Every structure is written in C-alpha cells, then in structure tokens.
C-alpha atoms as a PDB file:
ATOM      1  CA  MET A   1     -12.594   5.665  -6.570  1.00  0.00           C
ATOM      2  CA  PHE A   2     -12.791   3.976  -9.953  1.00  0.00           C
ATOM      3  CA  GLN A   3     -14.062   0.425  -9.940  1.00  0.00           C
ATOM      4  CA  PRO A   4     -14.341  -1.812 -12.883  1.00  0.00           C
ATOM      5  CA  PHE A   5     -17.654  -3.550 -13.951  1.00  0.00           C
ATOM      6  CA  THR A   6     -18.798  -5.978 -16.409  1.00  0.00           C
ATOM      7  CA  PRO A   7     -22.147  -6.393 -18.353  1.00  0.00           C
ATOM      8  CA  ARG A   8     -24.938  -8.407 -17.006  1.00  0.00           C
ATOM      9  CA  PHE A   9     -27.541  -8.105 -19.842  1.00  0.00           C
ATOM     10  CA  ALA A  10     -27.789  -6.843 -23.505  1.00  0.00           C
ATOM     11  CA  LEU A  11     -27.527  -3.275 -24.691  1.00  0.00           C
ATOM     12  CA  ALA A  12     -30.901  -3.351 -26.324  1.00  0.00           C
ATOM     13  CA  SER A  13     -32.732  -4.344 -23.195  1.00  0.00           C
ATOM     14  CA  LEU A  14     -31.668  -1.251 -21.582  1.00  0.00           C
ATOM     15  CA  LEU A  15     -32.691   1.329 -24.367  1.00  0.00           C
ATOM     16  CA  VAL A  16     -36.366   0.417 -23.779  1.00  0.00           C
ATOM     17  CA  GLY A  17     -38.551   2.789 -21.542  1.00  0.00           C
ATOM     18  CA  ILE A  18     -36.424   5.718 -21.301  1.00  0.00           C
ATOM     19  CA  THR A  19     -38.751   8.381 -19.252  1.00  0.00           C
ATOM     20  CA  ALA A  20     -40.360  11.213 -21.570  1.00  0.00           C
ATOM     21  CA  ALA A  21     -39.529  13.554 -18.440  1.00  0.00           C
ATOM     22  CA  VAL A  22     -35.987  13.965 -19.721  1.00  0.00           C
ATOM     23  CA  GLN A  23     -35.633  15.197 -23.005  1.00  0.00           C
ATOM     24  CA  ALA A  24     -32.680  13.384 -24.725  1.00  0.00           C
ATOM     25  CA  ALA A  25     -30.167  15.062 -26.794  1.00  0.00           C
ATOM     26  CA  PRO A  26     -30.371  14.301 -30.673  1.00  0.00           C
ATOM     27  CA  ALA A  27     -29.971  10.604 -31.197  1.00  0.00           C
ATOM     28  CA  GLY A  28     -26.369   9.744 -32.590  1.00  0.00           C
ATOM     29  CA  ARG A  29     -24.410  12.791 -31.284  1.00  0.00           C
ATOM     30  CA  SER A  30     -21.018  12.171 -32.663  1.00  0.00           C
ATOM     31  CA  VAL A  31     -17.733  12.653 -30.685  1.00  0.00           C
ATOM     32  CA  VAL A  32     -14.475  12.422 -32.794  1.00  0.00           C
ATOM     33  CA  LEU A  33     -11.321  11.886 -30.479  1.00  0.00           C
ATOM     34  CA  THR A  34      -7.989  13.764 -31.455  1.00  0.00           C
ATOM     35  CA  GLY A  35      -5.882  11.957 -29.201  1.00  0.00           C
ATOM     36  CA  LYS A  36      -4.364  15.389 -27.579  1.00  0.00           C
ATOM     37  CA  ALA A  37      -3.357  15.302 -23.999  1.00  0.00           C
ATOM     38  CA  GLY A  38      -6.252  16.228 -21.603  1.00  0.00           C
ATOM     39  CA  GLU A  39      -9.076  15.485 -24.101  1.00  0.00           C
ATOM     40  CA  SER A  40     -12.033  14.638 -22.081  1.00  0.00           C
ATOM     41  CA  PRO A  41     -15.394  14.904 -23.612  1.00  0.00           C
ATOM     42  CA  LEU A  42     -18.579  15.840 -21.833  1.00  0.00           C
ATOM     43  CA  ILE A  43     -21.348  13.367 -21.720  1.00  0.00           C
ATOM     44  CA  TYR A  44     -24.787  14.686 -20.255  1.00  0.00           C
ATOM     45  CA  VAL A  45     -26.680  12.126 -18.219  1.00  0.00           C
ATOM     46  CA  ALA A  46     -29.950  12.070 -16.223  1.00  0.00           C
ATOM     47  CA  PRO A  47     -32.108   9.817 -14.159  1.00  0.00           C
ATOM     48  CA  GLY A  48     -34.554   7.738 -15.877  1.00  0.00           C
ATOM     49  CA  ALA A  49     -32.635   8.159 -19.283  1.00  0.00           C
ATOM     50  CA  VAL A  50     -30.238   5.535 -20.399  1.00  0.00           C
ATOM     51  CA  THR A  51     -27.229   6.923 -22.200  1.00  0.00           C
ATOM     52  CA  ALA A  52     -25.384   4.463 -24.694  1.00  0.00           C
ATOM     53  CA  ILE A  53     -21.874   5.356 -25.660  1.00  0.00           C
ATOM     54  CA  LEU A  54     -20.693   3.358 -28.760  1.00  0.00           C
ATOM     55  CA  LEU A  55     -16.788   3.497 -29.052  1.00  0.00           C
ATOM     56  CA  GLY A  56     -16.680   2.125 -32.481  1.00  0.00           C
ATOM     57  CA  ALA A  57     -13.854  -0.226 -31.659  1.00  0.00           C
ATOM     58  CA  PRO A  58     -13.235  -3.138 -29.317  1.00  0.00           C
ATOM     59  CA  ILE A  59     -12.484  -2.023 -25.782  1.00  0.00           C
ATOM     60  CA  VAL A  60     -10.762  -3.720 -22.851  1.00  0.00           C
ATOM     61  CA  ARG A  61     -14.332  -4.462 -20.911  1.00  0.00           C
ATOM     62  CA  GLU A  62     -12.823  -5.507 -17.641  1.00  0.00           C
ATOM     63  CA  SER A  63     -10.687  -2.302 -17.344  1.00  0.00           C
ATOM     64  CA  VAL A  64     -13.466   0.207 -17.639  1.00  0.00           C
ATOM     65  CA  GLN A  65     -13.839   2.425 -14.871  1.00  0.00           C
ATOM     66  CA  VAL A  66     -16.275   4.929 -13.516  1.00  0.00           C
ATOM     67  CA  GLU A  67     -16.020   7.391 -10.592  1.00  0.00           C
ATOM     68  CA  GLY A  68     -18.826   7.176  -8.089  1.00  0.00           C
ATOM     69  CA  ARG A  69     -20.204   3.653  -9.268  1.00  0.00           C
ATOM     70  CA  ALA A  70     -22.788   3.558  -6.319  1.00  0.00           C
ATOM     71  CA  ARG A  71     -24.396   6.712  -7.923  1.00  0.00           C
ATOM     72  CA  PHE A  72     -25.353   4.879 -11.163  1.00  0.00           C
ATOM     73  CA  ALA A  73     -28.696   2.727 -11.351  1.00  0.00           C
ATOM     74  CA  VAL A  74     -27.551   1.114 -14.659  1.00  0.00           C
ATOM     75  CA  PHE A  75     -23.983   0.594 -15.827  1.00  0.00           C
ATOM     76  CA  GLU A  76     -23.136  -2.025 -18.429  1.00  0.00           C
ATOM     77  CA  VAL A  77     -20.104  -2.763 -20.691  1.00  0.00           C
ATOM     78  CA  SER A  78     -20.064  -4.256 -23.885  1.00  0.00           C
ATOM     79  CA  ASP A  79     -17.332  -5.435 -26.294  1.00  0.00           C
ATOM     80  CA  GLN A  80     -17.542  -1.820 -27.924  1.00  0.00           C
ATOM     81  CA  GLY A  81     -19.810   0.398 -25.806  1.00  0.00           C
ATOM     82  CA  VAL A  82     -20.794   1.435 -22.057  1.00  0.00           C
ATOM     83  CA  THR A  83     -24.540   2.052 -21.103  1.00  0.00           C
ATOM     84  CA  LEU A  84     -25.506   3.997 -17.974  1.00  0.00           C
ATOM     85  CA  SER A  85     -27.970   5.904 -16.065  1.00  0.00           C
ATOM     86  CA  PRO A  86     -27.521   7.820 -12.834  1.00  0.00           C
ATOM     87  CA  ALA A  87     -29.708   6.991  -9.911  1.00  0.00           C
ATOM     88  CA  VAL A  88     -29.994  10.742  -9.048  1.00  0.00           C
ATOM     89  CA  ALA A  89     -29.182  13.626 -10.889  1.00  0.00           C
ATOM     90  CA  LEU A  90     -25.866  15.102 -11.001  1.00  0.00           C
ATOM     91  CA  GLY A  91     -25.084  18.665 -10.610  1.00  0.00           C
ATOM     92  CA  THR A  92     -24.290  21.149 -13.388  1.00  0.00           C
ATOM     93  CA  ASP A  93     -20.864  21.519 -11.742  1.00  0.00           C
ATOM     94  CA  GLU A  94     -20.119  17.824 -11.338  1.00  0.00           C
ATOM     95  CA  ARG A  95     -17.743  15.905 -13.431  1.00  0.00           C
ATOM     96  CA  LEU A  96     -17.515  12.354 -12.906  1.00  0.00           C
ATOM     97  CA  GLU A  97     -14.807  10.378 -14.975  1.00  0.00           C
ATOM     98  CA  LEU A  98     -15.586   7.406 -17.180  1.00  0.00           C
ATOM     99  CA  ARG A  99     -12.264   5.918 -18.360  1.00  0.00           C
ATOM    100  CA  VAL A 100     -12.407   3.478 -21.316  1.00  0.00           C
ATOM    101  CA  PRO A 101      -9.266   1.694 -22.754  1.00  0.00           C
ATOM    102  CA  TYR A 102      -9.352   0.334 -26.131  1.00  0.00           C
ATOM    103  CA  SER A 103      -7.966  -2.925 -27.121  1.00  0.00           C
ATOM    104  CA  GLU A 104      -5.683  -1.510 -29.793  1.00  0.00           C
ATOM    105  CA  GLY A 105      -5.032   1.628 -31.853  1.00  0.00           C
ATOM    106  CA  SER A 106      -4.466   5.307 -30.731  1.00  0.00           C
ATOM    107  CA  PRO A 107      -5.499   6.908 -28.602  1.00  0.00           C
ATOM    108  CA  ALA A 108      -5.281   3.864 -26.520  1.00  0.00           C
ATOM    109  CA  SER A 109      -7.979   5.312 -24.023  1.00  0.00           C
ATOM    110  CA  VAL A 110     -10.378   7.919 -23.396  1.00  0.00           C
ATOM    111  CA  VAL A 111     -11.577   9.693 -20.380  1.00  0.00           C
ATOM    112  CA  PHE A 112     -15.206  11.125 -20.434  1.00  0.00           C
ATOM    113  CA  LEU A 113     -16.634  13.409 -17.910  1.00  0.00           C
ATOM    114  CA  LEU A 114     -20.164  12.619 -17.008  1.00  0.00           C
ATOM    115  CA  THR A 115     -22.277  15.763 -15.884  1.00  0.00           C
ATOM    116  CA  GLY A 116     -25.910  16.833 -15.368  1.00  0.00           C
ATOM    117  CA  GLN A 117     -27.979  19.412 -17.151  1.00  0.00           C
ATOM    118  CA  PRO A 118     -31.606  20.157 -16.133  1.00  0.00           C
ATOM    119  CA  GLY A 119     -34.036  18.508 -18.577  1.00  0.00           C
ATOM    120  CA  MET A 120     -31.352  17.000 -20.715  1.00  0.00           C
ATOM    121  CA  ALA A 121     -29.473  13.898 -21.351  1.00  0.00           C
ATOM    122  CA  ASP A 122     -27.464  12.159 -24.225  1.00  0.00           C
ATOM    123  CA  GLY A 123     -29.455   9.053 -25.524  1.00  0.00           C
ATOM    124  CA  LEU A 124     -26.939   7.781 -28.093  1.00  0.00           C
ATOM    125  CA  VAL A 125     -23.023   9.064 -28.359  1.00  0.00           C
ATOM    126  CA  ASN A 126     -21.292   7.688 -31.342  1.00  0.00           C
ATOM    127  CA  VAL A 127     -17.441   7.833 -30.520  1.00  0.00           C
ATOM    128  CA  SER A 128     -14.745   7.815 -33.136  1.00  0.00           C
ATOM    129  CA  ARG A 129     -11.006   7.992 -33.478  1.00  0.00           C
ATOM    130  CA  PRO A 130      -9.282   9.730 -36.375  1.00  0.00           C
ATOM    131  CA  GLN A 131      -7.888   7.532 -39.236  1.00  0.00           C
ATOM    132  CA  GLN A 132      -4.191   6.677 -38.658  1.00  0.00           C
ATOM    133  CA  THR A 133      -1.948   7.328 -41.316  1.00  0.00           C
ATOM    134  CA  VAL A 134       0.887   4.815 -42.724  1.00  0.00           C
ATOM    135  CA  GLU A 135       3.512   6.512 -41.131  1.00  0.00           C
ATOM    136  CA  ALA A 136       1.722   7.044 -37.851  1.00  0.00           C
ATOM    137  CA  CYS A 137       1.107   3.390 -37.745  1.00  0.00           C
ATOM    138  CA  ARG A 138       4.710   2.713 -38.354  1.00  0.00           C
ATOM    139  CA  VAL A 139       5.837   4.898 -35.436  1.00  0.00           C
ATOM    140  CA  GLU A 140       3.444   3.209 -33.171  1.00  0.00           C
ATOM    141  CA  LEU A 141       4.761  -0.343 -34.272  1.00  0.00           C
ATOM    142  CA  SER A 142       8.325   0.767 -33.738  1.00  0.00           C
ATOM    143  CA  ALA A 143       7.368   2.106 -30.157  1.00  0.00           C
ATOM    144  CA  THR A 144       5.613  -1.187 -29.432  1.00  0.00           C
ATOM    145  CA  ARG A 145       8.749  -3.055 -30.496  1.00  0.00           C
ATOM    146  CA  GLU A 146      11.063  -1.084 -28.399  1.00  0.00           C
ATOM    147  CA  ARG A 147       8.972  -1.610 -25.361  1.00  0.00           C
ATOM    148  CA  CYS A 148       8.779  -5.477 -26.118  1.00  0.00           C
ATOM    149  CA  GLU A 149      12.492  -5.527 -26.576  1.00  0.00           C
ATOM    150  CA  ALA A 150      13.254  -3.752 -23.304  1.00  0.00           C
ATOM    151  CA  GLN A 151      10.626  -5.988 -21.364  1.00  0.00           C
ATOM    152  CA  THR A 152      12.510  -8.952 -23.037  1.00  0.00           C
ATOM    153  CA  LYS A 153      15.908  -7.725 -21.837  1.00  0.00           C
ATOM    154  CA  GLU A 154      14.559  -7.150 -18.303  1.00  0.00           C
ATOM    155  CA  LEU A 155      13.180 -10.561 -18.124  1.00  0.00           C
ATOM    156  CA  GLU A 156      16.184 -12.124 -19.143  1.00  0.00           C
ATOM    157  CA  ALA A 157      18.191 -10.215 -16.821  1.00  0.00           C
ATOM    158  CA  LEU A 158      15.980 -11.438 -14.003  1.00  0.00           C
ATOM    159  CA  LYS A 159      16.217 -15.184 -15.140  1.00  0.00           C
ATOM    160  CA  ALA A 160      20.163 -14.907 -15.321  1.00  0.00           C
ATOM    161  CA  ARG A 161      20.053 -14.522 -11.545  1.00  0.00           C
ATOM    162  CA  PRO A 162      20.466 -17.121  -9.200  1.00  0.00           C
ATOM    163  CA  ALA A 163      16.842 -18.516  -8.154  1.00  0.00           C
ATOM    164  CA  ALA A 164      17.980 -18.108  -4.487  1.00  0.00           C
ATOM    165  CA  LEU A 165      20.990 -15.860  -3.524  1.00  0.00           C
ATOM    166  CA  SER A 166      22.721 -16.685  -0.225  1.00  0.00           C
ATOM    167  CA  PRO A 167      24.333 -14.100   1.970  1.00  0.00           C
ATOM    168  CA  ALA A 168      27.894 -14.441   0.469  1.00  0.00           C
ATOM    169  CA  ALA A 169      26.393 -14.550  -2.963  1.00  0.00           C
ATOM    170  CA  VAL A 170      24.763 -11.099  -2.351  1.00  0.00           C
ATOM    171  CA  ALA A 171      28.134  -9.756  -0.737  1.00  0.00           C
ATOM    172  CA  LEU A 172      30.064 -11.088  -3.956  1.00  0.00           C
ATOM    173  CA  ALA A 173      27.810  -9.733  -6.191  1.00  0.00           C
ATOM    174  CA  GLY A 174      28.216  -6.363  -4.788  1.00  0.00           C
ATOM    175  CA  PHE A 175      24.730  -5.442  -3.654  1.00  0.00           C
ATOM    176  CA  VAL A 176      26.337  -4.914  -0.062  1.00  0.00           C
ATOM    177  CA  ASN A 177      29.610  -3.679   1.001  1.00  0.00           C
ATOM    178  CA  GLU A 178      31.332  -3.184   4.244  1.00  0.00           C
ATOM    179  CA  LYS A 179      28.906  -0.516   5.060  1.00  0.00           C
ATOM    180  CA  GLY A 180      25.974  -2.788   5.002  1.00  0.00           C
ATOM    181  CA  MET A 181      22.375  -1.739   4.238  1.00  0.00           C
ATOM    182  CA  ARG A 182      19.592   0.419   5.884  1.00  0.00           C
ATOM    183  CA  GLY A 183      16.043  -0.728   6.503  1.00  0.00           C
ATOM    184  CA  ARG A 184      13.137   1.411   7.768  1.00  0.00           C
ATOM    185  CA  GLU A 185       9.345   1.061   8.043  1.00  0.00           C
ATOM    186  CA  PHE A 186       6.957   3.933   6.624  1.00  0.00           C
ATOM    187  CA  ARG A 187       3.709   3.626   8.423  1.00  0.00           C
ATOM    188  CA  ARG A 188       2.503   6.939   7.643  1.00  0.00           C
ATOM    189  CA  GLU A 189       2.848   6.716   3.882  1.00  0.00           C
ATOM    190  CA  CYS A 190       1.024   3.080   4.044  1.00  0.00           C
ATOM    191  CA  ARG A 191      -1.919   4.719   5.765  1.00  0.00           C
ATOM    192  CA  LYS A 192      -2.209   7.629   3.318  1.00  0.00           C
ATOM    193  CA  THR A 193      -2.847   5.163   0.518  1.00  0.00           C
ATOM    194  CA  ARG A 194      -5.492   2.939   2.100  1.00  0.00           C
ATOM    195  CA  GLU A 195      -8.551   4.634   0.310  1.00  0.00           C
ATOM    196  CA  GLY A 196      -8.551   2.843  -2.935  1.00  0.00           C
ATOM    197  CA  GLU A 197      -9.254  -0.728  -3.761  1.00  0.00           C
ATOM    198  CA  LEU A 198      -5.368  -1.438  -4.009  1.00  0.00           C
ATOM    199  CA  ARG A 199      -4.464  -0.928  -0.375  1.00  0.00           C
ATOM    200  CA  PRO A 200      -1.000  -1.503   1.165  1.00  0.00           C
ATOM    201  CA  VAL A 201      -1.221  -3.350   4.455  1.00  0.00           C
ATOM    202  CA  MET A 202       2.549  -3.083   5.371  1.00  0.00           C
ATOM    203  CA  CYS A 203       5.419  -1.195   3.784  1.00  0.00           C
ATOM    204  CA  TRP A 204       9.222  -1.101   4.625  1.00  0.00           C
ATOM    205  CA  SER A 205      12.185  -0.505   2.392  1.00  0.00           C
ATOM    206  CA  LEU A 206      15.853  -1.441   2.228  1.00  0.00           C
ATOM    207  CA  GLY A 207      18.559   0.526   0.883  1.00  0.00           C
ATOM    208  CA  GLY A 208      22.192   0.413  -0.136  1.00  0.00           C
ATOM    209  CA  THR A 209      24.899   2.352  -1.992  1.00  0.00           C
ATOM    210  CA  THR A 210      23.348   2.042  -5.527  1.00  0.00           C
ATOM    211  CA  TRP A 211      19.835   0.571  -4.755  1.00  0.00           C
ATOM    212  CA  SER A 212      16.721   0.587  -2.870  1.00  0.00           C
ATOM    213  CA  VAL A 213      13.919  -1.913  -2.607  1.00  0.00           C
ATOM    214  CA  VAL A 214      10.215  -1.197  -1.435  1.00  0.00           C
ATOM    215  CA  VAL A 215       8.391  -4.116   0.176  1.00  0.00           C
ATOM    216  CA  LEU A 216       4.823  -3.971  -0.008  1.00  0.00           C
ATOM    217  CA  GLU A 217       2.036  -6.222   1.224  1.00  0.00           C
ATOM    218  CA  VAL A 218      -1.108  -5.424  -0.915  1.00  0.00           C
ATOM    219  CA  SER A 219      -4.667  -6.042  -0.373  1.00  0.00           C
ATOM    220  CA  ASN A 220      -6.908  -6.115  -3.304  1.00  0.00           C
ATOM    221  CA  THR A 221     -10.582  -4.942  -2.170  1.00  0.00           C
ATOM    222  CA  GLY A 222     -11.795  -4.573  -5.802  1.00  0.00           C
ATOM    223  CA  ALA A 223     -13.938  -6.796  -7.934  1.00  0.00           C
ATOM    224  CA  GLU A 224     -11.319  -8.010 -10.450  1.00  0.00           C
ATOM    225  CA  PRO A 225      -7.837  -9.736  -9.859  1.00  0.00           C
ATOM    226  CA  TRP A 226      -4.816  -7.174 -10.142  1.00  0.00           C
ATOM    227  CA  ALA A 227      -1.375  -8.374 -11.697  1.00  0.00           C
ATOM    228  CA  PRO A 228       1.328  -6.054 -11.039  1.00  0.00           C
ATOM    229  CA  GLU A 229       3.783  -6.177 -13.917  1.00  0.00           C
ATOM    230  CA  TRP A 230       5.932  -2.830 -13.899  1.00  0.00           C
ATOM    231  CA  ALA A 231       6.626   0.178 -11.588  1.00  0.00           C
ATOM    232  CA  GLU A 232       7.962   3.677 -11.655  1.00  0.00           C
ATOM    233  CA  VAL A 233       9.446   6.019  -9.213  1.00  0.00           C
ATOM    234  CA  THR A 234       9.466   9.713  -9.287  1.00  0.00           C
ATOM    235  CA  PRO A 235      11.695  11.873  -7.222  1.00  0.00           C
ATOM    236  CA  ALA A 236      10.283  15.153  -5.891  1.00  0.00           C
ATOM    237  CA  GLY A 237      10.677  17.716  -8.745  1.00  0.00           C
ATOM    238  CA  GLY A 238      11.992  15.038 -11.293  1.00  0.00           C
ATOM    239  CA  GLU A 239      10.880  12.900 -14.162  1.00  0.00           C
ATOM    240  CA  PRO A 240       9.609   9.334 -13.703  1.00  0.00           C
ATOM    241  CA  ARG A 241      11.823   6.377 -14.173  1.00  0.00           C
ATOM    242  CA  ARG A 242      11.017   2.557 -14.473  1.00  0.00           C
ATOM    243  CA  ALA A 243      12.071   0.464 -11.517  1.00  0.00           C
ATOM    244  CA  ARG A 244      14.584  -2.301 -12.248  1.00  0.00           C
ATOM    245  CA  ALA A 245      12.409  -5.134 -11.200  1.00  0.00           C
ATOM    246  CA  VAL A 246       8.920  -5.943  -9.812  1.00  0.00           C
ATOM    247  CA  LEU A 247       8.917  -9.396  -7.795  1.00  0.00           C
ATOM    248  CA  PRO A 248       7.414 -11.730  -7.919  1.00  0.00           C
ATOM    249  CA  LEU A 249       6.842 -11.850 -11.519  1.00  0.00           C
ATOM    250  CA  GLN A 250       3.258 -12.055 -12.696  1.00  0.00           C
ATOM    251  CA  ALA A 251       1.684 -12.555  -9.252  1.00  0.00           C
ATOM    252  CA  ALA A 252      -2.020 -11.865  -9.643  1.00  0.00           C
ATOM    253  CA  ILE A 253      -3.739 -10.738  -6.457  1.00  0.00           C
ATOM    254  CA  THR A 254      -7.316 -12.277  -6.612  1.00  0.00           C
ATOM    255  CA  PRO A 255     -10.219 -10.060  -4.835  1.00  0.00           C
ATOM    256  CA  GLY A 256      -9.941 -10.260  -1.084  1.00  0.00           C
ATOM    257  CA  SER A 257      -6.332 -11.621  -0.947  1.00  0.00           C
ATOM    258  CA  VAL A 258      -2.933 -10.124   0.040  1.00  0.00           C
ATOM    259  CA  VAL A 259       0.331 -10.578  -1.633  1.00  0.00           C
ATOM    260  CA  SER A 260       3.804  -9.723  -0.805  1.00  0.00           C
ATOM    261  CA  MET A 261       5.899  -7.801  -3.610  1.00  0.00           C
ATOM    262  CA  ALA A 262       9.172  -6.042  -3.880  1.00  0.00           C
ATOM    263  CA  VAL A 263       9.953  -3.086  -6.164  1.00  0.00           C
ATOM    264  CA  GLU A 264      13.750  -2.799  -6.870  1.00  0.00           C
ATOM    265  CA  VAL A 265      15.051   0.652  -8.053  1.00  0.00           C
ATOM    266  CA  GLU A 266      18.448   1.620  -9.325  1.00  0.00           C
ATOM    267  CA  MET A 267      19.786   4.712  -7.391  1.00  0.00           C
ATOM    268  CA  PRO A 268      22.457   7.124  -7.886  1.00  0.00           C
ATOM    269  CA  LYS A 269      25.790   5.985  -5.866  1.00  0.00           C
ATOM    270  CA  ARG A 270      25.518   6.892  -2.275  1.00  0.00           C
ATOM    271  CA  GLN A 271      28.557   6.747  -0.182  1.00  0.00           C
ATOM    272  CA  LYS A 272      27.155   7.809   3.215  1.00  0.00           C
ATOM    273  CA  PRO A 273      24.617   5.274   4.744  1.00  0.00           C
ATOM    274  CA  GLU A 274      22.804   8.372   6.177  1.00  0.00           C
ATOM    275  CA  ASP A 275      21.790   9.158   2.514  1.00  0.00           C
ATOM    276  CA  TRP A 276      20.158   5.877   2.053  1.00  0.00           C
ATOM    277  CA  LEU A 277      16.415   6.054   2.343  1.00  0.00           C
ATOM    278  CA  SER A 278      16.451   9.801   2.576  1.00  0.00           C
ATOM    279  CA  ALA A 279      14.956  11.134  -1.072  1.00  0.00           C
ATOM    280  CA  PRO A 280      11.410  11.341  -1.148  1.00  0.00           C
ATOM    281  CA  HIS A 281       9.787   9.668  -4.125  1.00  0.00           C
ATOM    282  CA  THR A 282       6.259   8.688  -5.514  1.00  0.00           C
ATOM    283  CA  VAL A 283       6.354   5.029  -6.097  1.00  0.00           C
ATOM    284  CA  ARG A 284       3.668   3.741  -8.634  1.00  0.00           C
ATOM    285  CA  VAL A 285       3.080   0.065  -9.276  1.00  0.00           C
ATOM    286  CA  CYS A 286       0.621  -0.925 -12.257  1.00  0.00           C
ATOM    287  CA  ASN A 287      -0.742  -3.966 -14.087  1.00  0.00           C
ATOM    288  CA  GLY A 288       0.166  -4.384 -17.745  1.00  0.00           C
ATOM    289  CA  ASP A 289      -1.398  -1.691 -19.718  1.00  0.00           C
ATOM    290  CA  GLY A 290      -1.401   0.820 -16.580  1.00  0.00           C
ATOM    291  CA  SER A 291      -5.139   1.020 -16.199  1.00  0.00           C
ATOM    292  CA  ARG A 292      -4.913  -0.059 -12.423  1.00  0.00           C
ATOM    293  CA  CYS A 293      -2.199   1.210 -10.376  1.00  0.00           C
ATOM    294  CA  LEU A 294      -1.348   1.680  -6.751  1.00  0.00           C
ATOM    295  CA  SER A 295       0.583   4.814  -6.102  1.00  0.00           C
ATOM    296  CA  MET A 296       2.325   6.049  -2.911  1.00  0.00           C
ATOM    297  CA  PRO A 297       3.629   9.371  -2.350  1.00  0.00           C
ATOM    298  CA  GLU A 298       6.344  10.690  -0.207  1.00  0.00           C
ATOM    299  CA  VAL A 299       8.288   7.200   0.050  1.00  0.00           C
ATOM    300  CA  THR A 300      11.919   7.743   0.789  1.00  0.00           C
ATOM    301  CA  LEU A 301      14.270   5.836  -1.307  1.00  0.00           C
END
C-alpha cells in the first residue's frame, strides 16, 4: 500500500558514502516524460547506494507515495526531488511504484517503477517534461476553468439547500414519494476495503426513485490528514460519473480519527422499490487532486 512521507534531512547529506560494491549508472541519467497514458520509467535501486531523482519542477511533497515503504532504508522528499535507497535488494522482476504529483503543469504526475539489477543502481536521474506549446497551455487553462466553474455551481447548489431538512421538507422536495425509500448495510464490501490506510468502519446506503446515498464511517490510519472533496461511481461495465455531493464539505480526517460522510448519487428513475440499491457500482472518494482515494467495489446503488 502506498504511504506518503516527508523529508527529515537535506539531499546533500544523503549522497555521501555510497557503497563502492554497487556500480552506479552514469551520473545524470536523463528521463524525458511524454505524458502518454501508462508511461512508467524504470529506476534501478540497490542497498548501499542512494538514488536521487530530480524532477526539475515543484512537486506536492506530502502526496508523494511509494509502494513497500518499510523496504527502504532511505526515503526522503524535497521540493523538487526524491532520494531513496532500499534496505534489501529488489528482485529483477519486482516493480515497486513511486508516485510523484507535480504542483502544476502537464503531465500532472508521474509513476516510476523501482526495480533491482545485480551490481547496478541509478545514482542521479534528471527528469524533465516536454515544453508546452501556447495552444496546449490554452487547452489546459480552459479545462481548468471548466472544472472550477462546475465545482462552483455544485457548491452554490449545495449552499442553496436548507441547512436542516425536516421530514416534511424532504417530502415536498420530491426526494421521497409514497413508496418511501430503501436502506441496507453492506458489511462484506466494507471488509474488502480494510487493507489500506483509509478504512471504512461502517457502510450502509439509502435509495429512492432517482437517487442513492452511501454513508461511510472512515478511519484514517495513514500519517497525513485526508480531506475528501469529490467522489465518482462506476457501474459494472459502464463509464464513471461524478457523485452529486460529498458531505460534510471539506471535513479533514486527521491520522487516527474516524469521520462519517455521505456520498449522494443521481440515479436513473426507478419505479419499483426492489430495483433500488440493486445495481453494482464501484464507489471512489478522493481528496482534491485525486492522489489519495478510498475505493469500494461491488457497492449496490
């Protein structure tokens, strides 16, 4: 499982005393990112050798994640780089993911695959992204504006709702008709998602003719706070779509804490109550940049 870590001491102090038994690859190996889907450059690491990856641009330090953190004797993050060294050798067929999000620009993040090769390790890896054309910048700016406008409209719609809805107001708003609503607890799906640092403690749902709500009690066992801001649902064999709302707004879960949240999903109109909470979906709840998410498969909505 990925876990984020922050630096404790400077990069320069880590580059001293690299073991001579491991032959480092030529200093300053260059990696040029293309931004294509699935791009994952290989980085060779070895115990006794420190590998420094320089990203060439500011990164989101607190969101850097590495797979199998316990296997690394050194793992430090700076404003524009990552320094690491494994405690034991990695196999030549192993691939541990190192995920690094950039503060801005494109591609927004990069995933490196850490692996082992007898007698070899990368000493210094210089990473660069392709120069963006003016047109590419315009497209990215336009997409960012569209996302901001959509989020503003969602926030305005939520603010327009009454702070507290009485049963009478719920009925008049059309959220519930004469057929009422249906509720169920899904313990099996909850148990399946208790291996990561974001763990659902209790899971249940409500459903009506045109909506479903997933209610979760989430425990943050990681080292950093988690603030869920958006969610998406993906039906079996279908395309993902954004949830209508995630409540409460901007509720950060500090390490070791548990917070209740609700994900509201707009559903196709379903006349028969037996059709409510019957369609399997994957529910994914994420922080703002999508770097830390809680994903639950096989939730019926």
